[in-house]
Amino acid sequence: MSPILLTAYFLIWPVGVAVIMAIIARGFARDARKARESGTPII
């Protein structure tokens, strides 16, 4: 594998992880807000 491709692959991982974490956090925040409005516990 060429150094440029390896570097690009290595640098894309944090971006991918950040996107996935943002999606999960957004869904959790939405569920928490709905639970708080309806008065039900999250767990």
N, C-alpha and C. Protein backbone atom coordinates (compact mmCIF):
# COMPACT_ATOMS: atom_id res chain seq x y z
N MET A 1 0.86 -1.18 0.00
CA MET A 1 0.00 0.00 0.00
C MET A 1 0.90 1.24 0.00
N SER A 2 0.56 2.20 -0.83
CA SER A 2 1.40 3.40 -0.91
C SER A 2 1.24 4.26 0.34
N PRO A 3 2.24 5.04 0.66
CA PRO A 3 2.17 5.88 1.86
C PRO A 3 1.02 6.89 1.82
N ILE A 4 0.70 7.40 0.65
CA ILE A 4 -0.39 8.38 0.55
C ILE A 4 -1.73 7.72 0.87
N LEU A 5 -1.96 6.53 0.33
CA LEU A 5 -3.21 5.84 0.63
C LEU A 5 -3.29 5.44 2.09
N LEU A 6 -2.19 5.01 2.65
CA LEU A 6 -2.17 4.63 4.05
C LEU A 6 -2.44 5.84 4.95
N THR A 7 -1.86 6.97 4.60
CA THR A 7 -2.09 8.20 5.36
C THR A 7 -3.55 8.63 5.25
N ALA A 8 -4.12 8.58 4.06
CA ALA A 8 -5.53 8.96 3.88
C ALA A 8 -6.43 8.03 4.68
N TYR A 9 -6.15 6.74 4.63
CA TYR A 9 -6.94 5.77 5.39
C TYR A 9 -6.85 6.05 6.88
N PHE A 10 -5.65 6.35 7.36
CA PHE A 10 -5.44 6.63 8.78
C PHE A 10 -6.15 7.91 9.21
N LEU A 11 -6.20 8.91 8.35
CA LEU A 11 -6.82 10.19 8.70
C LEU A 11 -8.34 10.16 8.58
N ILE A 12 -8.88 9.25 7.79
CA ILE A 12 -10.33 9.18 7.61
C ILE A 12 -11.00 8.51 8.81
N TRP A 13 -10.29 7.62 9.51
CA TRP A 13 -10.88 6.92 10.66
C TRP A 13 -11.47 7.86 11.70
N PRO A 14 -10.76 8.88 12.17
CA PRO A 14 -11.35 9.76 13.18
C PRO A 14 -12.59 10.48 12.67
N VAL A 15 -12.61 10.83 11.40
CA VAL A 15 -13.78 11.50 10.83
C VAL A 15 -14.97 10.54 10.84
N GLY A 16 -14.76 9.31 10.43
CA GLY A 16 -15.83 8.32 10.43
C GLY A 16 -16.36 8.06 11.82
N VAL A 17 -15.47 7.93 12.77
CA VAL A 17 -15.88 7.70 14.16
C VAL A 17 -16.66 8.90 14.68
N ALA A 18 -16.22 10.11 14.37
CA ALA A 18 -16.91 11.32 14.83
C ALA A 18 -18.32 11.39 14.25
N VAL A 19 -18.48 11.02 12.99
CA VAL A 19 -19.80 11.04 12.36
C VAL A 19 -20.72 10.03 13.03
N ILE A 20 -20.25 8.82 13.25
CA ILE A 20 -21.06 7.79 13.90
C ILE A 20 -21.44 8.22 15.32
N MET A 21 -20.48 8.77 16.07
CA MET A 21 -20.77 9.23 17.44
C MET A 21 -21.79 10.36 17.43
N ALA A 22 -21.71 11.25 16.45
CA ALA A 22 -22.67 12.35 16.35
C ALA A 22 -24.07 11.82 16.06
N ILE A 23 -24.18 10.82 15.21
CA ILE A 23 -25.48 10.23 14.90
C ILE A 23 -26.07 9.58 16.15
N ILE A 24 -25.25 8.83 16.88
CA ILE A 24 -25.72 8.17 18.09
C ILE A 24 -26.13 9.20 19.14
N ALA A 25 -25.32 10.24 19.32
CA ALA A 25 -25.62 11.28 20.32
C ALA A 25 -26.89 12.03 19.95
N ARG A 26 -27.08 12.29 18.67
CA ARG A 26 -28.30 12.99 18.23
C ARG A 26 -29.54 12.16 18.52
N GLY A 27 -29.48 10.87 18.23
CA GLY A 27 -30.61 10.00 18.52
C GLY A 27 -30.89 9.89 20.00
N PHE A 28 -29.83 9.80 20.81
CA PHE A 28 -30.01 9.72 22.26
C PHE A 28 -30.62 11.00 22.79
N ALA A 29 -30.15 12.15 22.31
CA ALA A 29 -30.69 13.44 22.76
C ALA A 29 -32.17 13.56 22.38
N ARG A 30 -32.52 13.10 21.20
CA ARG A 30 -33.92 13.15 20.77
C ARG A 30 -34.79 12.26 21.66
N ASP A 31 -34.31 11.05 21.95
CA ASP A 31 -35.06 10.14 22.82
C ASP A 31 -35.18 10.69 24.24
N ALA A 32 -34.10 11.29 24.74
CA ALA A 32 -34.12 11.86 26.09
C ALA A 32 -35.12 13.01 26.16
N ARG A 33 -35.15 13.84 25.13
CA ARG A 33 -36.09 14.96 25.10
C ARG A 33 -37.54 14.46 25.07
N LYS A 34 -37.82 13.46 24.25
CA LYS A 34 -39.17 12.90 24.19
C LYS A 34 -39.57 12.27 25.52
N ALA A 35 -38.63 11.57 26.16
CA ALA A 35 -38.92 10.94 27.45
C ALA A 35 -39.19 12.00 28.51
N ARG A 36 -38.42 13.07 28.50
CA ARG A 36 -38.62 14.13 29.48
C ARG A 36 -39.98 14.81 29.27
N GLU A 37 -40.36 15.02 28.02
CA GLU A 37 -41.65 15.66 27.73
C GLU A 37 -42.82 14.78 28.15
N SER A 38 -42.68 13.46 27.96
CA SER A 38 -43.78 12.56 28.30
C SER A 38 -43.72 12.09 29.75
N GLY A 39 -42.62 12.37 30.45
CA GLY A 39 -42.50 12.00 31.85
C GLY A 39 -42.11 10.56 32.09
N THR A 40 -41.63 9.87 31.08
CA THR A 40 -41.20 8.48 31.25
C THR A 40 -39.68 8.42 31.39
N PRO A 41 -39.16 7.43 32.12
CA PRO A 41 -37.71 7.31 32.24
C PRO A 41 -37.08 6.82 30.93
N ILE A 42 -35.84 7.18 30.72
CA ILE A 42 -35.13 6.77 29.50
C ILE A 42 -34.83 5.28 29.54
N ILE A 43 -34.42 4.80 30.69
CA ILE A 43 -34.02 3.39 30.79
C ILE A 43 -35.24 2.53 31.08
